[in-house]
Amino acid sequence: MTRSELINLLADERPGLYRNDIEDAVSVIFDQISSSLASGNRVEIRGFGIFTTKKHLAHTGRNPRTGAAVDVPEKVLPVYKTGKLLRDKLNASA
C-alpha cells in the first residue's frame, strides 16, 4: 500500500473528514516516526510493531563484478519488528 492509497482508504472510511486533514495527519505521523528514529529513539505502536535503528559498522566489502575491495562506510538503518497482535492476525489464516 502506498501513502496515497492509505490516504484514499482513510478518506473512504471517514467521509466526514476532509482529505487535506487526512493527508496532514498521515504526514505528521510519518514525520514524527522519522524524527524519533533520527534522534535515536524507538517508536512502539502497541499491537502493530516497533521501529528502531541498527548501526552497521564500517567494513571492507567486495565489488561482486570485479572482486575489488570497497570500503563500506558506517551507516544506521531502520529496523521494524512486528507486534504480537499483528503477527497473530497474519498467522490466523494459515
C-alpha atoms as a PDB file:
ATOM      1  CA  MET A   1       0.000   0.000   0.000  1.00  0.00           C
ATOM      2  CA  THR A   2       1.350   3.407  -0.930  1.00  0.00           C
ATOM      3  CA  ARG A   3       0.944   6.619   1.027  1.00  0.00           C
ATOM      4  CA  SER A   4      -1.717   7.903  -1.394  1.00  0.00           C
ATOM      5  CA  GLU A   5      -3.598   4.580  -1.226  1.00  0.00           C
ATOM      6  CA  LEU A   6      -3.610   4.843   2.576  1.00  0.00           C
ATOM      7  CA  ILE A   7      -4.967   8.390   2.388  1.00  0.00           C
ATOM      8  CA  ASN A   8      -7.653   7.334  -0.097  1.00  0.00           C
ATOM      9  CA  LEU A   9      -8.661   4.381   2.089  1.00  0.00           C
ATOM     10  CA  LEU A  10      -8.945   6.588   5.167  1.00  0.00           C
ATOM     11  CA  ALA A  11     -10.920   9.192   3.212  1.00  0.00           C
ATOM     12  CA  ASP A  12     -13.348   6.500   2.020  1.00  0.00           C
ATOM     13  CA  GLU A  13     -13.781   5.099   5.548  1.00  0.00           C
ATOM     14  CA  ARG A  14     -14.231   8.538   7.125  1.00  0.00           C
ATOM     15  CA  PRO A  15     -16.387  10.620   4.740  1.00  0.00           C
ATOM     16  CA  GLY A  16     -16.847  13.297   7.439  1.00  0.00           C
ATOM     17  CA  LEU A  17     -13.168  14.225   7.327  1.00  0.00           C
ATOM     18  CA  TYR A  18     -11.561  16.438   4.728  1.00  0.00           C
ATOM     19  CA  ARG A  19      -8.953  14.793   2.521  1.00  0.00           C
ATOM     20  CA  ASN A  20      -6.436  17.565   3.321  1.00  0.00           C
ATOM     21  CA  ASP A  21      -6.846  16.889   7.044  1.00  0.00           C
ATOM     22  CA  ILE A  22      -6.211  13.183   6.483  1.00  0.00           C
ATOM     23  CA  GLU A  23      -3.104  13.951   4.392  1.00  0.00           C
ATOM     24  CA  ASP A  24      -1.830  16.238   7.161  1.00  0.00           C
ATOM     25  CA  ALA A  25      -2.445  13.606   9.844  1.00  0.00           C
ATOM     26  CA  VAL A  26      -0.635  10.894   7.868  1.00  0.00           C
ATOM     27  CA  SER A  27       2.269  13.272   7.196  1.00  0.00           C
ATOM     28  CA  VAL A  28       2.544  14.208  10.876  1.00  0.00           C
ATOM     29  CA  ILE A  29       2.605  10.539  11.925  1.00  0.00           C
ATOM     30  CA  PHE A  30       5.287   9.587   9.387  1.00  0.00           C
ATOM     31  CA  ASP A  31       7.331  12.717  10.137  1.00  0.00           C
ATOM     32  CA  GLN A  32       7.180  12.038  13.873  1.00  0.00           C
ATOM     33  CA  ILE A  33       8.296   8.423  13.410  1.00  0.00           C
ATOM     34  CA  SER A  34      11.170   9.591  11.174  1.00  0.00           C
ATOM     35  CA  SER A  35      12.216  12.322  13.609  1.00  0.00           C
ATOM     36  CA  SER A  36      12.178   9.956  16.567  1.00  0.00           C
ATOM     37  CA  LEU A  37      14.305   7.394  14.738  1.00  0.00           C
ATOM     38  CA  ALA A  38      16.727  10.091  13.598  1.00  0.00           C
ATOM     39  CA  SER A  39      17.095  11.157  17.243  1.00  0.00           C
ATOM     40  CA  GLY A  40      17.997   7.602  18.214  1.00  0.00           C
ATOM     41  CA  ASN A  41      14.676   6.820  19.897  1.00  0.00           C
ATOM     42  CA  ARG A  42      12.499   3.799  19.260  1.00  0.00           C
ATOM     43  CA  VAL A  43       8.849   4.040  18.263  1.00  0.00           C
ATOM     44  CA  GLU A  44       6.421   1.467  19.625  1.00  0.00           C
ATOM     45  CA  ILE A  45       2.882   1.195  18.309  1.00  0.00           C
ATOM     46  CA  ARG A  46       1.201  -1.378  20.535  1.00  0.00           C
ATOM     47  CA  GLY A  47      -0.231  -4.293  18.595  1.00  0.00           C
ATOM     48  CA  PHE A  48       1.411  -3.148  15.364  1.00  0.00           C
ATOM     49  CA  GLY A  49       5.155  -3.142  15.907  1.00  0.00           C
ATOM     50  CA  ILE A  50       8.353  -1.446  16.948  1.00  0.00           C
ATOM     51  CA  PHE A  51      10.571   0.787  14.822  1.00  0.00           C
ATOM     52  CA  THR A  52      14.196   1.020  15.908  1.00  0.00           C
ATOM     53  CA  THR A  53      17.559   1.664  14.314  1.00  0.00           C
ATOM     54  CA  LYS A  54      20.568  -0.591  13.926  1.00  0.00           C
ATOM     55  CA  LYS A  55      24.126   0.608  13.446  1.00  0.00           C
ATOM     56  CA  HIS A  56      26.191  -1.187  10.826  1.00  0.00           C
ATOM     57  CA  LEU A  57      29.913  -0.677  11.355  1.00  0.00           C
ATOM     58  CA  ALA A  58      32.255   0.328   8.570  1.00  0.00           C
ATOM     59  CA  HIS A  59      33.894  -2.607   6.825  1.00  0.00           C
ATOM     60  CA  THR A  60      35.658  -3.626   3.650  1.00  0.00           C
ATOM     61  CA  GLY A  61      33.414  -5.285   1.094  1.00  0.00           C
ATOM     62  CA  ARG A  62      33.931  -6.672  -2.368  1.00  0.00           C
ATOM     63  CA  ASN A  63      32.610  -5.486  -5.702  1.00  0.00           C
ATOM     64  CA  PRO A  64      30.854  -8.638  -6.984  1.00  0.00           C
ATOM     65  CA  ARG A  65      31.634  -7.818 -10.603  1.00  0.00           C
ATOM     66  CA  THR A  66      35.343  -7.072 -10.309  1.00  0.00           C
ATOM     67  CA  GLY A  67      36.255  -8.553  -6.940  1.00  0.00           C
ATOM     68  CA  ALA A  68      37.950  -5.281  -5.968  1.00  0.00           C
ATOM     69  CA  ALA A  69      37.922  -4.247  -2.300  1.00  0.00           C
ATOM     70  CA  VAL A  70      35.458  -1.463  -1.494  1.00  0.00           C
ATOM     71  CA  ASP A  71      35.280   0.492   1.767  1.00  0.00           C
ATOM     72  CA  VAL A  72      31.702   0.495   3.052  1.00  0.00           C
ATOM     73  CA  PRO A  73      31.072   3.387   5.469  1.00  0.00           C
ATOM     74  CA  GLU A  74      29.298   3.088   8.803  1.00  0.00           C
ATOM     75  CA  LYS A  75      25.551   3.556   8.494  1.00  0.00           C
ATOM     76  CA  VAL A  76      22.387   3.466  10.557  1.00  0.00           C
ATOM     77  CA  LEU A  77      19.382   1.635   9.123  1.00  0.00           C
ATOM     78  CA  PRO A  78      15.765   1.452  10.296  1.00  0.00           C
ATOM     79  CA  VAL A  79      14.516  -1.872  11.647  1.00  0.00           C
ATOM     80  CA  TYR A  80      10.901  -2.966  12.099  1.00  0.00           C
ATOM     81  CA  LYS A  81       9.696  -5.776  14.338  1.00  0.00           C
ATOM     82  CA  THR A  82       6.055  -6.833  14.191  1.00  0.00           C
ATOM     83  CA  GLY A  83       3.899  -6.721  17.275  1.00  0.00           C
ATOM     84  CA  LYS A  84       2.234  -9.814  18.695  1.00  0.00           C
ATOM     85  CA  LEU A  85      -1.303  -8.822  17.643  1.00  0.00           C
ATOM     86  CA  LEU A  86      -0.216  -8.219  14.048  1.00  0.00           C
ATOM     87  CA  ARG A  87       1.739 -11.489  13.946  1.00  0.00           C
ATOM     88  CA  ASP A  88      -1.272 -13.369  15.307  1.00  0.00           C
ATOM     89  CA  LYS A  89      -3.577 -11.737  12.763  1.00  0.00           C
ATOM     90  CA  LEU A  90      -1.226 -12.605   9.886  1.00  0.00           C
ATOM     91  CA  ASN A  91      -0.892 -16.214  11.010  1.00  0.00           C
ATOM     92  CA  ALA A  92      -4.566 -16.794  11.876  1.00  0.00           C
ATOM     93  CA  SER A  93      -5.440 -17.692   8.279  1.00  0.00           C
ATOM     94  CA  ALA A  94      -2.567 -20.167   7.949  1.00  0.00           C
END
